[in-house]
Protein backbone atom coordinates (compact mmCIF):
# COMPACT_ATOMS: atom_id res chain seq x y z
CA MET A 1 59.67 33.59 -38.57
CA VAL A 2 56.94 35.09 -36.39
CA SER A 3 57.93 38.17 -34.44
CA GLN A 4 56.99 38.62 -30.78
CA THR A 5 56.64 42.05 -29.20
CA ASN A 6 55.64 42.92 -25.63
CA GLY A 7 54.17 39.52 -25.04
CA ILE A 8 51.89 39.77 -28.13
CA HIS A 9 51.98 36.79 -30.43
CA PRO A 10 50.16 37.46 -33.71
CA GLN A 11 48.40 34.23 -34.70
CA LEU A 12 48.38 32.70 -38.16
CA ASN A 13 45.34 32.52 -40.44
CA GLY A 14 43.85 35.75 -39.12
CA THR A 15 42.86 34.38 -35.67
CA PRO A 16 42.69 36.85 -32.75
CA SER A 17 45.88 37.84 -30.98
CA TYR A 18 46.78 36.17 -27.73
CA THR A 19 47.98 38.26 -24.81
CA ILE A 20 50.17 36.99 -22.00
CA ARG A 21 48.47 37.23 -18.64
CA GLU A 22 50.79 39.24 -16.41
CA GLN A 23 50.69 37.00 -13.36
CA PRO A 24 52.76 34.06 -12.16
CA LEU A 25 51.72 30.46 -12.59
CA GLY A 26 49.64 29.34 -9.60
CA THR A 27 47.88 32.67 -8.98
CA PRO A 28 44.35 31.83 -7.81
CA ARG A 29 41.33 33.65 -9.19
CA HIS A 30 38.94 34.81 -6.49
CA VAL A 31 35.65 32.90 -6.57
CA ARG A 32 32.40 33.02 -4.65
CA ILE A 33 30.68 29.78 -3.59
CA ILE A 34 27.06 29.30 -2.56
CA ALA A 35 26.35 26.12 -0.63
CA ILE A 36 22.92 24.77 0.29
CA GLY A 37 22.48 22.94 3.58
CA ALA A 38 24.38 22.99 6.89
CA GLY A 39 24.28 19.34 7.90
CA ALA A 40 27.31 17.06 7.97
CA SER A 41 28.09 17.67 4.29
CA GLY A 42 27.85 21.45 4.52
CA ILE A 43 30.10 21.49 7.58
CA ASN A 44 32.67 19.30 5.85
CA LEU A 45 32.59 21.56 2.80
CA LEU A 46 33.42 24.62 4.89
CA ARG A 47 36.37 22.81 6.46
CA ALA A 48 37.64 21.49 3.12
CA LEU A 49 37.45 24.97 1.59
CA ARG A 50 39.42 26.35 4.53
CA LEU A 51 42.14 23.72 4.07
CA GLY A 52 42.11 23.36 0.29
CA LEU A 53 41.90 26.89 -1.12
CA PRO A 54 44.39 29.72 -0.58
CA ALA A 55 43.36 32.16 2.12
CA GLY A 56 41.60 35.18 0.69
CA SER A 57 40.96 33.49 -2.67
CA TYR A 58 37.29 32.71 -2.08
CA SER A 59 34.17 33.71 -0.23
CA VAL A 60 31.39 31.32 0.76
CA VAL A 61 27.86 31.48 2.10
CA VAL A 62 25.78 28.50 3.24
CA TYR A 63 22.01 28.88 3.06
CA GLU A 64 20.22 26.65 5.57
CA LYS A 65 16.42 26.44 5.74
CA ASN A 66 16.34 25.32 9.39
CA ALA A 67 16.89 27.51 12.43
CA ASN A 68 20.19 25.79 13.22
CA VAL A 69 22.78 23.44 11.79
CA GLY A 70 22.36 19.66 11.98
CA GLY A 71 20.27 18.70 8.95
CA THR A 72 18.61 15.30 9.35
CA TRP A 73 19.60 15.04 13.00
CA LEU A 74 18.05 18.39 13.84
CA GLU A 75 14.77 17.47 12.12
CA ASN A 76 14.22 13.84 13.11
CA ARG A 77 13.28 13.51 16.78
CA TYR A 78 10.70 10.73 16.85
CA PRO A 79 10.84 8.34 19.83
CA GLY A 80 13.72 5.90 19.47
CA CYS A 81 15.44 7.86 16.70
CA ARG A 82 19.09 6.89 16.50
CA CYS A 83 21.73 6.01 13.95
CA ASP A 84 22.19 2.35 13.03
CA VAL A 85 25.86 2.94 12.17
CA PRO A 86 28.18 2.67 15.21
CA SER A 87 28.86 6.03 16.86
CA HIS A 88 32.63 5.71 16.54
CA SER A 89 32.25 5.33 12.78
CA TYR A 90 29.54 7.96 12.50
CA GLN A 91 31.86 10.89 13.17
CA PHE A 92 34.35 13.08 11.32
CA SER A 93 37.92 11.82 11.10
CA TRP A 94 38.98 15.33 12.14
CA LYS A 95 36.79 15.42 15.25
CA ARG A 96 37.01 12.25 17.26
CA LYS A 97 34.50 12.04 20.08
CA ARG A 98 35.65 9.90 22.97
CA ASP A 99 32.57 10.11 25.15
CA TRP A 100 29.77 8.76 22.96
CA SER A 101 27.19 7.51 25.46
CA ASN A 102 25.87 4.62 23.35
CA PHE A 103 27.28 2.24 20.77
CA PHE A 104 24.58 3.63 18.41
CA ALA A 105 24.10 7.32 19.22
CA ASP A 106 20.64 8.86 19.33
CA ALA A 107 19.52 11.88 17.29
CA GLU A 108 19.98 14.39 20.08
CA GLU A 109 23.58 13.38 20.76
CA ILE A 110 24.49 13.44 17.06
CA ASP A 111 22.86 16.84 16.67
CA GLY A 112 24.91 18.15 19.61
CA TYR A 113 28.06 16.71 18.07
CA LEU A 114 27.40 18.54 14.78
CA LYS A 115 26.89 21.83 16.61
CA GLU A 116 30.21 21.34 18.38
CA ALA A 117 31.92 20.45 15.09
CA VAL A 118 30.78 23.57 13.25
CA GLY A 119 32.19 25.66 16.09
CA GLU A 120 35.64 24.17 15.43
CA VAL A 121 35.76 25.18 11.75
CA GLU A 122 37.18 28.66 11.48
CA GLY A 123 34.70 31.11 9.98
CA ALA A 124 31.93 28.50 9.64
CA ARG A 125 29.38 30.18 11.89
CA GLU A 126 29.80 33.47 10.05
CA ALA A 127 29.31 31.76 6.67
CA ILE A 128 26.01 30.04 7.57
CA ARG A 129 22.70 31.85 7.06
CA THR A 130 19.96 29.94 8.89
CA ARG A 131 16.27 30.29 8.05
CA HIS A 132 17.23 30.95 4.42
CA GLN A 133 15.84 28.69 1.71
CA VAL A 134 17.10 28.53 -1.88
CA VAL A 135 14.11 28.66 -4.26
CA GLY A 136 15.80 28.81 -7.66
CA ALA A 137 19.16 28.89 -9.46
CA TRP A 138 19.99 29.92 -13.05
CA TRP A 139 23.31 29.57 -14.85
CA ARG A 140 24.48 32.65 -16.78
CA GLU A 141 26.66 31.33 -19.55
CA GLU A 142 27.92 34.72 -20.70
CA GLU A 143 29.15 35.62 -17.18
CA GLY A 144 30.18 32.21 -15.95
CA LYS A 145 28.12 32.70 -12.81
CA TRP A 146 25.05 31.37 -11.02
CA ARG A 147 22.15 33.61 -10.11
CA VAL A 148 20.50 32.17 -7.00
CA ARG A 149 17.18 33.22 -5.54
CA VAL A 150 16.80 32.90 -1.76
CA LYS A 151 13.79 33.25 0.54
CA ARG A 152 14.36 34.62 4.01
CA LEU A 153 11.95 32.49 6.02
CA GLU A 154 11.62 34.88 8.95
CA ASP A 155 9.72 37.43 6.85
CA GLY A 156 9.13 35.71 3.49
CA GLU A 157 11.23 38.25 1.60
CA GLU A 158 13.21 37.04 -1.42
CA PHE A 159 16.51 38.30 -2.75
CA GLU A 160 19.13 37.27 -5.30
CA ASP A 161 22.73 36.27 -4.83
CA GLU A 162 25.37 35.23 -7.34
CA ALA A 163 28.43 33.02 -7.33
CA GLU A 164 30.79 31.17 -9.61
CA PHE A 165 29.94 27.83 -7.96
CA VAL A 166 26.87 26.24 -6.38
CA VAL A 167 27.25 23.21 -4.09
CA ASP A 168 24.16 21.24 -3.04
CA ALA A 169 24.71 19.75 0.42
CA THR A 170 21.04 19.13 1.25
CA GLY A 171 21.40 15.36 1.36
CA ILE A 172 19.11 12.56 0.22
CA LEU A 173 17.18 11.81 3.44
CA ASN A 174 15.98 15.32 4.12
CA ASN A 175 12.87 16.03 2.05
CA TRP A 176 10.22 13.97 3.85
CA LYS A 177 7.01 12.86 2.16
CA TRP A 178 3.51 11.73 3.06
CA PRO A 179 2.33 8.34 1.79
CA ASP A 180 0.94 8.44 -1.73
CA VAL A 181 -2.59 7.67 -0.57
CA GLU A 182 -5.73 9.68 -1.27
CA GLY A 183 -7.96 11.31 1.33
CA ARG A 184 -5.33 12.40 3.81
CA GLU A 185 -7.24 15.60 4.53
CA ASP A 186 -10.33 13.51 5.45
CA TYR A 187 -8.67 11.99 8.50
CA GLN A 188 -9.85 13.71 11.70
CA GLY A 189 -7.39 12.19 14.17
CA THR A 190 -3.76 13.04 14.90
CA LEU A 191 -1.61 12.60 11.77
CA ILE A 192 2.18 12.60 12.18
CA HIS A 193 5.23 12.08 10.00
CA THR A 194 8.25 10.72 11.85
CA ALA A 195 10.40 13.55 10.42
CA ARG A 196 8.06 16.14 11.99
CA TRP A 197 7.36 14.64 15.40
CA PRO A 198 5.36 16.97 17.65
CA GLU A 199 6.67 17.68 21.13
CA GLY A 200 4.59 16.34 24.00
CA LEU A 201 2.52 13.83 22.05
CA ASP A 202 0.75 11.49 24.47
CA HIS A 203 -0.43 8.28 22.82
CA THR A 204 -1.14 6.46 26.09
CA GLY A 205 -4.29 4.39 25.92
CA LYS A 206 -4.92 5.25 22.27
CA THR A 207 -5.10 3.21 19.10
CA VAL A 208 -2.11 3.90 16.87
CA ILE A 209 -1.36 2.96 13.27
CA VAL A 210 2.25 3.03 12.08
CA ILE A 211 2.58 3.02 8.29
CA GLY A 212 5.80 1.52 6.99
CA ASN A 213 8.51 -0.87 8.14
CA GLY A 214 11.71 0.91 7.17
CA SER A 215 14.32 2.17 9.62
CA SER A 216 12.09 4.83 11.20
CA ALA A 217 9.19 2.43 11.77
CA VAL A 218 11.53 -0.23 13.16
CA GLN A 219 12.69 2.29 15.75
CA VAL A 220 9.37 3.97 16.60
CA VAL A 221 7.12 0.88 16.91
CA PRO A 222 8.76 -0.54 20.05
CA GLU A 223 8.64 2.93 21.64
CA LEU A 224 4.90 3.32 21.03
CA GLN A 225 3.81 -0.26 21.70
CA PRO A 226 3.96 -0.31 25.52
CA GLY A 227 1.65 2.69 26.01
CA ALA A 228 -0.79 2.08 23.16
CA ALA A 229 -4.14 0.41 23.74
CA LYS A 230 -3.76 -1.03 20.25
CA LEU A 231 -1.05 -0.67 17.61
CA TYR A 232 -1.33 -1.64 13.96
CA ASN A 233 1.77 -1.84 11.77
CA VAL A 234 0.75 -1.56 8.12
CA PHE A 235 3.23 -2.12 5.28
CA ARG A 236 3.34 -3.43 1.72
CA THR A 237 6.71 -5.15 1.57
CA PRO A 238 8.51 -7.40 4.07
CA THR A 239 11.94 -6.36 5.31
CA TRP A 240 15.10 -7.94 6.58
CA ILE A 241 15.73 -7.33 10.28
CA VAL A 242 19.28 -8.31 11.18
CA PRO A 243 20.58 -9.50 14.57
CA PRO A 244 22.27 -7.04 16.93
CA ARG A 245 25.54 -6.17 15.22
CA ILE A 246 27.66 -6.20 18.35
CA GLN A 247 26.61 -9.77 19.02
CA ALA A 248 27.35 -10.85 15.43
CA TRP A 249 30.72 -9.06 15.34
CA LYS A 250 31.80 -10.64 18.62
CA ILE A 251 31.12 -14.09 17.23
CA MET A 252 32.58 -13.86 13.73
CA GLY A 253 33.70 -10.31 13.04
CA LYS A 254 37.18 -8.81 12.86
CA ALA A 255 36.42 -6.59 15.86
CA GLY A 256 35.62 -9.45 18.22
CA GLU A 257 38.77 -9.11 20.31
CA ILE A 258 38.51 -5.35 20.83
CA LEU A 259 34.78 -5.60 21.56
CA SER A 260 35.53 -8.07 24.34
CA LYS A 261 37.52 -5.31 26.06
CA ILE A 262 34.66 -2.82 26.41
CA GLN A 263 31.68 -2.81 28.77
CA LEU A 264 28.11 -2.13 27.67
CA ASP A 265 24.83 -2.33 29.56
CA GLU A 266 21.67 -4.05 28.26
CA HIS A 267 20.79 -0.91 26.26
CA GLU A 268 24.26 -0.76 24.62
CA ASN A 269 25.31 2.27 26.68
CA PHE A 270 29.05 2.45 27.28
CA ALA A 271 30.08 1.88 30.89
CA PRO A 272 31.80 4.86 32.57
CA GLU A 273 35.08 2.94 32.80
CA THR A 274 35.03 2.28 29.03
CA ILE A 275 34.45 5.96 28.24
CA GLU A 276 37.27 6.86 30.64
CA ARG A 277 39.61 4.46 28.87
CA PHE A 278 38.68 5.99 25.51
CA LYS A 279 39.66 9.37 26.95
CA THR A 280 42.91 8.35 28.58
CA ASP A 281 44.26 5.59 26.31
CA PRO A 282 44.65 7.02 22.78
CA GLU A 283 46.11 3.80 21.34
CA PHE A 284 43.18 1.74 22.61
CA TYR A 285 40.71 4.32 21.30
CA ARG A 286 42.43 4.39 17.89
CA GLU A 287 42.40 0.58 17.67
CA PHE A 288 38.70 0.50 18.61
CA VAL A 289 37.74 3.11 16.01
CA LYS A 290 39.70 1.41 13.24
CA LYS A 291 38.38 -2.08 14.01
CA ILE A 292 34.79 -0.82 14.02
CA GLU A 293 35.45 0.93 10.71
CA VAL A 294 36.71 -2.34 9.25
CA GLU A 295 33.44 -3.99 10.24
CA VAL A 296 31.39 -1.18 8.68
CA ASN A 297 33.37 -1.52 5.45
CA SER A 298 33.09 -5.31 5.26
CA THR A 299 29.40 -5.72 4.39
CA PHE A 300 29.64 -5.42 0.60
CA PRO A 301 30.31 -9.15 -0.14
CA VAL A 302 26.98 -9.99 1.52
CA LEU A 303 25.21 -7.90 -1.13
CA LEU A 304 26.48 -9.91 -4.12
CA VAL A 305 23.49 -12.09 -4.96
CA ASN A 306 25.28 -15.23 -6.15
CA SER A 307 27.97 -15.26 -3.49
CA PRO A 308 28.22 -17.94 -0.78
CA VAL A 309 28.38 -15.09 1.75
CA GLN A 310 24.89 -13.93 0.68
CA ALA A 311 23.49 -17.45 0.94
CA PHE A 312 25.01 -18.04 4.38
CA ALA A 313 23.95 -14.66 5.77
CA ARG A 314 20.42 -14.97 4.38
CA ALA A 315 19.96 -18.35 6.02
CA LYS A 316 21.24 -17.06 9.36
CA VAL A 317 19.08 -13.91 9.31
CA THR A 318 16.01 -15.97 8.40
CA GLU A 319 16.74 -18.27 11.32
CA TYR A 320 17.15 -15.28 13.63
CA MET A 321 13.91 -13.62 12.53
CA ARG A 322 11.91 -16.82 12.98
CA ALA A 323 13.27 -17.20 16.50
CA ALA A 324 12.67 -13.54 17.40
CA LEU A 325 9.08 -13.79 16.16
CA GLY A 326 8.54 -16.82 18.33
CA GLY A 327 7.94 -19.03 15.33
CA ASP A 328 4.57 -17.35 14.72
CA ALA A 329 3.68 -18.59 11.22
CA ALA A 330 1.57 -15.55 10.26
CA LEU A 331 4.20 -13.05 11.39
CA CYS A 332 7.00 -14.97 9.69
CA GLU A 333 4.98 -15.05 6.47
CA ALA A 334 4.36 -11.30 6.65
CA LEU A 335 7.83 -10.21 7.75
CA ILE A 336 10.46 -12.50 6.22
CA PRO A 337 11.21 -11.55 2.59
CA ASP A 338 11.58 -13.86 -0.37
CA PHE A 339 14.02 -11.46 -2.05
CA PRO A 340 17.79 -11.36 -1.35
CA LEU A 341 19.25 -10.01 1.85
CA GLY A 342 20.06 -6.33 1.32
CA CYS A 343 17.51 -5.67 -1.43
CA ARG A 344 16.03 -3.25 1.11
CA ARG A 345 18.14 -1.56 3.75
CA MET A 346 19.13 -4.11 6.39
CA THR A 347 18.07 -2.77 9.78
CA PRO A 348 18.89 -4.02 13.28
CA GLY A 349 15.62 -4.23 15.19
CA HIS A 350 15.37 -6.89 17.85
CA ALA A 351 13.01 -4.67 19.88
CA TYR A 352 10.81 -4.21 16.78
CA LEU A 353 10.39 -7.95 16.25
CA ARG A 354 9.67 -8.43 19.93
CA ALA A 355 7.05 -5.64 19.87
CA LEU A 356 5.23 -7.28 16.97
CA THR A 357 4.65 -10.39 19.08
CA GLN A 358 2.86 -8.48 21.87
CA ASP A 359 -0.88 -8.90 22.46
CA ASN A 360 -1.74 -5.27 21.65
CA VAL A 361 -0.04 -5.32 18.23
CA GLU A 362 -1.41 -6.49 14.89
CA VAL A 363 0.41 -6.58 11.57
CA ARG A 364 -1.21 -5.89 8.21
CA ARG A 365 0.85 -6.57 5.12
CA ALA A 366 -1.38 -4.74 2.71
CA GLY A 367 -1.76 -1.74 0.48
CA ILE A 368 -3.78 1.27 1.65
CA ARG A 369 -6.73 2.40 -0.44
CA ARG A 370 -7.41 5.69 1.31
CA PHE A 371 -7.59 7.66 4.51
CA VAL A 372 -11.05 7.86 6.09
CA SER A 373 -12.27 10.18 8.83
CA ASP A 374 -11.39 7.79 11.65
CA GLY A 375 -8.54 5.71 10.19
CA LEU A 376 -7.43 3.85 7.09
CA GLU A 377 -9.21 1.71 4.53
CA LEU A 378 -6.99 -1.07 3.22
CA GLU A 379 -7.14 -2.40 -0.34
CA SER A 380 -8.86 -5.49 1.08
CA GLY A 381 -11.72 -3.26 2.23
CA GLU A 382 -10.88 -3.61 5.91
CA VAL A 383 -11.05 -0.35 7.88
CA LEU A 384 -8.58 0.18 10.71
CA ARG A 385 -9.78 2.85 13.12
CA ALA A 386 -7.18 4.84 15.04
CA ASP A 387 -6.70 7.93 17.17
CA VAL A 388 -3.16 8.48 15.88
CA ILE A 389 -1.62 7.65 12.51
CA VAL A 390 2.17 7.75 12.27
CA CYS A 391 3.58 7.91 8.73
CA ALA A 392 7.04 6.37 8.79
CA THR A 393 7.03 6.73 5.02
CA GLY A 394 10.47 8.16 4.46
CA PHE A 395 11.73 10.78 2.08
CA ASP A 396 11.62 11.88 -1.53
CA THR A 397 14.55 9.97 -3.02
CA SER A 398 13.89 10.89 -6.65
CA PHE A 399 16.95 13.22 -6.66
CA CYS A 400 14.82 15.76 -8.50
CA PRO A 401 15.92 19.25 -7.32
CA ARG A 402 13.42 20.95 -5.01
CA PHE A 403 13.70 24.20 -6.93
CA PRO A 404 14.28 25.20 -10.58
CA LEU A 405 17.92 24.45 -11.36
CA VAL A 406 18.50 25.81 -14.85
CA GLY A 407 21.79 24.92 -16.48
CA LYS A 408 23.36 25.37 -19.88
CA GLY A 409 20.98 26.13 -22.72
CA GLY A 410 18.15 26.95 -20.33
CA GLU A 411 17.40 23.32 -19.43
CA ASN A 412 15.83 22.82 -16.00
CA LEU A 413 17.33 19.76 -14.30
CA GLN A 414 13.95 19.21 -12.63
CA ASP A 415 12.40 18.56 -16.05
CA ARG A 416 15.20 16.28 -17.18
CA TRP A 417 15.11 14.07 -14.08
CA ARG A 418 11.32 13.91 -14.07
CA ARG A 419 11.29 12.38 -17.54
CA GLU A 420 14.35 10.14 -17.28
CA THR A 421 16.39 8.20 -14.73
CA PRO A 422 18.63 10.60 -12.78
CA ARG A 423 22.25 10.22 -13.85
CA ALA A 424 25.30 11.94 -12.45
CA TYR A 425 29.05 11.81 -12.77
CA MET A 426 30.41 9.84 -9.80
CA SER A 427 27.39 11.19 -7.85
CA VAL A 428 28.94 14.68 -7.60
CA ALA A 429 28.20 16.55 -10.85
CA VAL A 430 25.81 16.66 -13.81
CA ASP A 431 26.43 17.14 -17.52
CA GLY A 432 25.00 20.37 -18.87
CA VAL A 433 25.04 22.00 -15.41
CA PRO A 434 28.36 23.88 -15.13
CA ASN A 435 30.05 24.75 -11.85
CA TYR A 436 27.50 22.73 -9.89
CA PHE A 437 28.41 20.00 -7.41
CA MET A 438 26.41 17.69 -5.16
CA PHE A 439 26.96 15.67 -2.04
CA LEU A 440 25.35 12.22 -2.28
CA GLY A 441 23.72 12.68 -5.66
CA PRO A 442 22.47 9.78 -7.80
CA ASN A 443 24.34 6.53 -7.14
CA ALA A 444 26.31 7.67 -4.10
CA PRO A 445 27.14 5.06 -1.43
CA ILE A 446 24.41 6.31 0.91
CA GLY A 447 23.65 2.79 2.19
CA HIS A 448 27.27 1.72 2.61
CA GLY A 449 28.09 3.19 6.02
CA SER A 450 28.81 6.50 7.70
CA VAL A 451 27.98 9.58 5.63
CA PHE A 452 30.39 11.61 7.76
CA THR A 453 33.51 10.09 6.19
CA LEU A 454 31.80 9.93 2.80
CA SER A 455 31.24 13.67 2.92
CA GLU A 456 34.90 14.25 3.77
CA HIS A 457 36.03 12.51 0.59
CA ILE A 458 33.39 14.25 -1.51
CA ALA A 459 34.26 17.66 -0.04
CA ARG A 460 37.94 17.22 -0.87
CA TYR A 461 37.05 16.19 -4.43
CA ILE A 462 34.80 19.22 -4.94
CA VAL A 463 37.36 21.61 -3.49
CA SER A 464 40.09 20.17 -5.71
CA ALA A 465 37.90 20.88 -8.77
CA ILE A 466 37.26 24.45 -7.62
CA HIS A 467 40.98 24.97 -7.01
CA LYS A 468 41.73 23.67 -10.49
CA CYS A 469 39.40 26.30 -11.92
CA GLN A 470 40.96 29.02 -9.77
CA THR A 471 44.53 28.30 -10.84
CA GLU A 472 44.17 27.02 -14.42
CA GLY A 473 42.12 29.81 -15.98
CA ILE A 474 38.89 27.77 -16.13
CA ARG A 475 35.73 29.84 -16.06
CA ALA A 476 33.32 26.90 -16.16
CA LEU A 477 33.46 23.12 -16.12
CA ALA A 478 30.98 20.24 -16.28
CA PRO A 479 31.32 16.53 -16.93
CA SER A 480 30.81 15.57 -20.54
CA SER A 481 27.60 13.86 -21.61
CA ARG A 482 29.68 10.94 -22.89
CA ALA A 483 31.38 10.49 -19.51
CA VAL A 484 28.04 10.53 -17.68
CA ALA A 485 26.54 8.09 -20.19
CA ASP A 486 29.51 5.74 -19.85
CA TYR A 487 29.32 5.86 -16.07
CA ALA A 488 25.57 5.16 -16.21
CA ALA A 489 26.21 2.19 -18.52
CA HIS A 490 28.67 0.76 -16.01
CA ILE A 491 26.13 1.17 -13.21
CA ALA A 492 23.38 -0.52 -15.23
CA ALA A 493 25.64 -3.46 -16.09
CA PHE A 494 26.95 -3.87 -12.56
CA MET A 495 23.79 -3.57 -10.46
CA PRO A 496 22.26 -6.96 -11.41
CA ARG A 497 25.13 -8.52 -9.47
CA THR A 498 23.77 -6.99 -6.28
CA ALA A 499 20.81 -7.64 -4.01
CA TRP A 500 19.80 -3.99 -4.44
CA ALA A 501 18.57 -4.65 -7.98
CA ALA A 502 16.63 -7.82 -7.18
CA PRO A 503 12.99 -7.61 -8.32
CA GLY A 504 10.13 -7.68 -5.87
CA GLY A 505 11.70 -5.71 -3.04
CA ARG A 506 10.22 -2.21 -3.05
CA SER A 507 12.93 0.11 -1.79
CA TRP A 508 14.01 3.75 -1.65
CA PHE A 509 17.21 2.46 -3.28
CA LYS A 510 15.03 2.23 -6.43
CA ASN A 511 13.00 5.39 -5.77
CA ASP A 512 10.31 3.46 -3.88
CA THR A 513 9.72 0.98 -6.70
CA ALA A 514 10.05 -2.80 -6.77
CA ASP A 515 11.66 -3.21 -10.17
CA GLY A 516 13.10 0.17 -11.15
CA PRO A 517 16.78 0.99 -11.67
CA VAL A 518 18.97 1.45 -8.60
CA THR A 519 19.52 5.20 -8.35
CA ALA A 520 20.58 5.64 -4.71
CA LEU A 521 23.62 3.39 -4.36
CA HIS A 522 27.18 3.20 -5.64
CA PRO A 523 28.20 0.27 -7.88
CA GLY A 524 30.80 -1.09 -5.52
CA SER A 525 32.03 -1.08 -1.96
CA ARG A 526 32.62 1.92 0.26
CA ILE A 527 36.39 1.65 -0.23
CA HIS A 528 35.77 1.40 -3.97
CA PHE A 529 34.03 4.80 -3.83
CA PHE A 530 36.85 6.38 -1.84
CA HIS A 531 39.41 4.99 -4.30
CA MET A 532 37.39 6.27 -7.27
CA LEU A 533 37.45 9.83 -5.94
CA GLU A 534 41.18 9.91 -5.22
CA ARG A 535 42.02 11.48 -8.57
CA PHE A 536 40.20 14.13 -10.57
CA ARG A 537 39.81 12.69 -14.07
CA GLY A 538 40.20 15.85 -16.11
CA GLU A 539 39.65 13.95 -19.35
CA ASP A 540 35.99 13.41 -18.40
CA TRP A 541 35.19 17.12 -18.22
CA GLU A 542 34.40 19.94 -20.60
CA TYR A 543 35.89 23.38 -19.97
CA VAL A 544 35.31 27.02 -20.82
CA TYR A 545 38.48 29.05 -20.40
CA GLU A 546 38.91 32.65 -19.35
CA GLY A 547 40.09 35.43 -21.60
CA GLU A 548 39.61 36.34 -25.21
CA GLY A 549 39.94 33.27 -27.35
CA GLY A 550 39.90 31.00 -24.30
CA ASN A 551 43.47 29.75 -24.53
CA ARG A 552 43.78 26.80 -22.16
CA PHE A 553 47.38 27.73 -21.38
CA GLY A 554 46.66 31.33 -20.42
CA TYR A 555 47.14 30.36 -16.78
CA LEU A 556 50.88 29.83 -17.40
CA GLY A 557 51.18 33.60 -17.16
CA ASN A 558 54.37 35.63 -17.16
CA GLY A 559 56.89 32.83 -16.86
CA PHE A 560 57.27 32.93 -13.10
CA SER A 561 55.72 30.67 -10.48
CA THR A 562 54.11 31.47 -7.16
CA LYS A 563 56.38 28.76 -5.77
CA GLU A 564 59.41 30.96 -6.34
CA LEU A 565 57.85 34.34 -5.57
CA ASP A 566 56.03 33.49 -2.35
CA PRO A 567 58.51 33.92 0.54
CA GLY A 568 56.43 31.48 2.58
CA VAL A 569 57.00 28.63 0.14
CA ASP A 570 60.12 26.46 -0.05
CA SER A 571 61.30 27.10 -3.60
CA THR A 572 63.57 24.03 -3.56
CA TRP A 573 60.91 21.62 -2.31
CA TYR A 574 61.94 19.17 -5.02
CA LEU A 575 65.20 18.46 -3.17
CA GLU A 576 63.39 17.05 -0.15
CA GLU A 577 63.74 13.30 0.34
CA SER A 578 60.00 12.77 0.19
CA ALA A 579 59.89 14.43 -3.23
CA TRP A 580 62.66 12.16 -4.50
CA GLU A 581 60.89 9.11 -3.12
CA LEU A 582 57.62 10.08 -4.77
CA ALA A 583 59.39 10.63 -8.08
CA LEU A 584 61.16 7.27 -7.87
CA ASP A 585 57.94 5.52 -6.91
CA ALA A 586 56.22 7.08 -9.92
CA LEU A 587 59.03 5.91 -12.22
CA GLU A 588 58.90 2.42 -10.78
CA SER A 589 55.12 2.27 -11.21
CA ALA A 590 55.46 3.41 -14.81
CA ARG A 591 58.17 0.78 -15.45
CA LEU A 592 56.01 -2.00 -14.03
CA HIS A 593 52.99 -0.80 -15.97
CA ASN A 594 54.94 -0.76 -19.23
CA ALA A 595 56.39 -4.18 -18.54
CA THR A 596 52.93 -5.58 -17.87
CA ALA A 597 51.58 -3.97 -21.02
CA LEU A 598 54.40 -5.43 -23.12
CA TRP A 599 53.89 -8.85 -21.58
């Protein structure tokens, strides 16, 4: 028999003694969290922390490089910039906006919405440090903490901060890049990137080149075309331009009936009477929001390459593009892809196609050899001379961290992801990088619909993991290498089913390659992603526990529970009808599962 005295249990075989932690089960450990980025994801994180962690059990700071919140929608202000996801889907579930002015909101309105939203999250403004840029982060294994280096952009001074957890909420479409073409410094005209549009630019009567045909180019070309003396659109790869979504949904979508009850003008602005009804008729507004969300969620079948839905949709979009281009053989040859629909991001752009047919516009489907003093030299040798060159060339989507991110064993994640395909666990965490979480990391559903609701699900998942650490004596956690490898194997096996992986279509989904692995998209539908994140799979993670010896059950404490000691908690919650129903449902599910297994 082993004796026990004062909570000390001498262990067998000479192992260290284990001491009972004198606190009740459920006591949270105080943690500090450093978040990076105050766009939609950062705002959602602050709200999820407020709702998901006990008051007083954490502190948080958000470092934001810009002068205000808003992220992508603060930075991108080129002419025509707007979201191509419907406004009533592109919003937080916890902040419904009833007076969106347009079916597809523009950048300025979305930016204003985000500023209003952050004001409604208690303590959010105080937690955000604008004009502060994270320049490095190092994991300290012996302390179970991150050391983070931050530059204060107002004066260039650097300082260090530390925290138990680091959360990267910078997003994927935030780090803009110039085209990978030599001689940029040789060009003597006005050079612009769409993500850094200068105020007051006057292109009237000038020759303009727009490089690219992704979403930004599709939006900016029709804005520049009317005033330009000449406009060239130069791109390497054709792209799918889809019909106006409202029109398509009215004809064969599930939202056709509700869409017939709203009024829009020719620019898709909501009529005043429709906005008033949204404000005064909550049931109608709720129905509208949910039906639009169903449409946003229903696109995945189109992306399965061998499905009849893909074949039908591809034929219809081809027919639409030919008609919109006026049957012009040269334009159709340049613009209509020979790869599956959805291999590149599908973008609505009727105005873009119409602009390309105008007399002052010429299209060049060609590679660029170099910048020259007065324009661009194409690989064909042709020189296009221009007063203004607009680079609608997108963002760095390599997922490589923008600063040294040094995890366990001193490995810099920058080095790992430069030499190999970026891999993550369910897009939110990385093996070998403890207590580090991401929004929209590798293979997130960034092209599946609204990132606002995506970030809500991801924020809840991250907060649940932090709470687990707080209350279960976990000093550090990271997904296992085996779990990440297995998840990557599933992605690699699944992606050939989709249009995203089709060869020949150069896309940021594949890190701006034509034939590389799909690193930017989730292997499934949007609902599939939400379902996947419903439960934290503890078996996929590796843990370091607190205390001498790291006993995983140290958190059980002194035999009491916070649920019986906290006067604000119902200590007989298990007698509530809902609790009984949940327990019975669980038993019934287990019975059915066992019966199925036996069968």
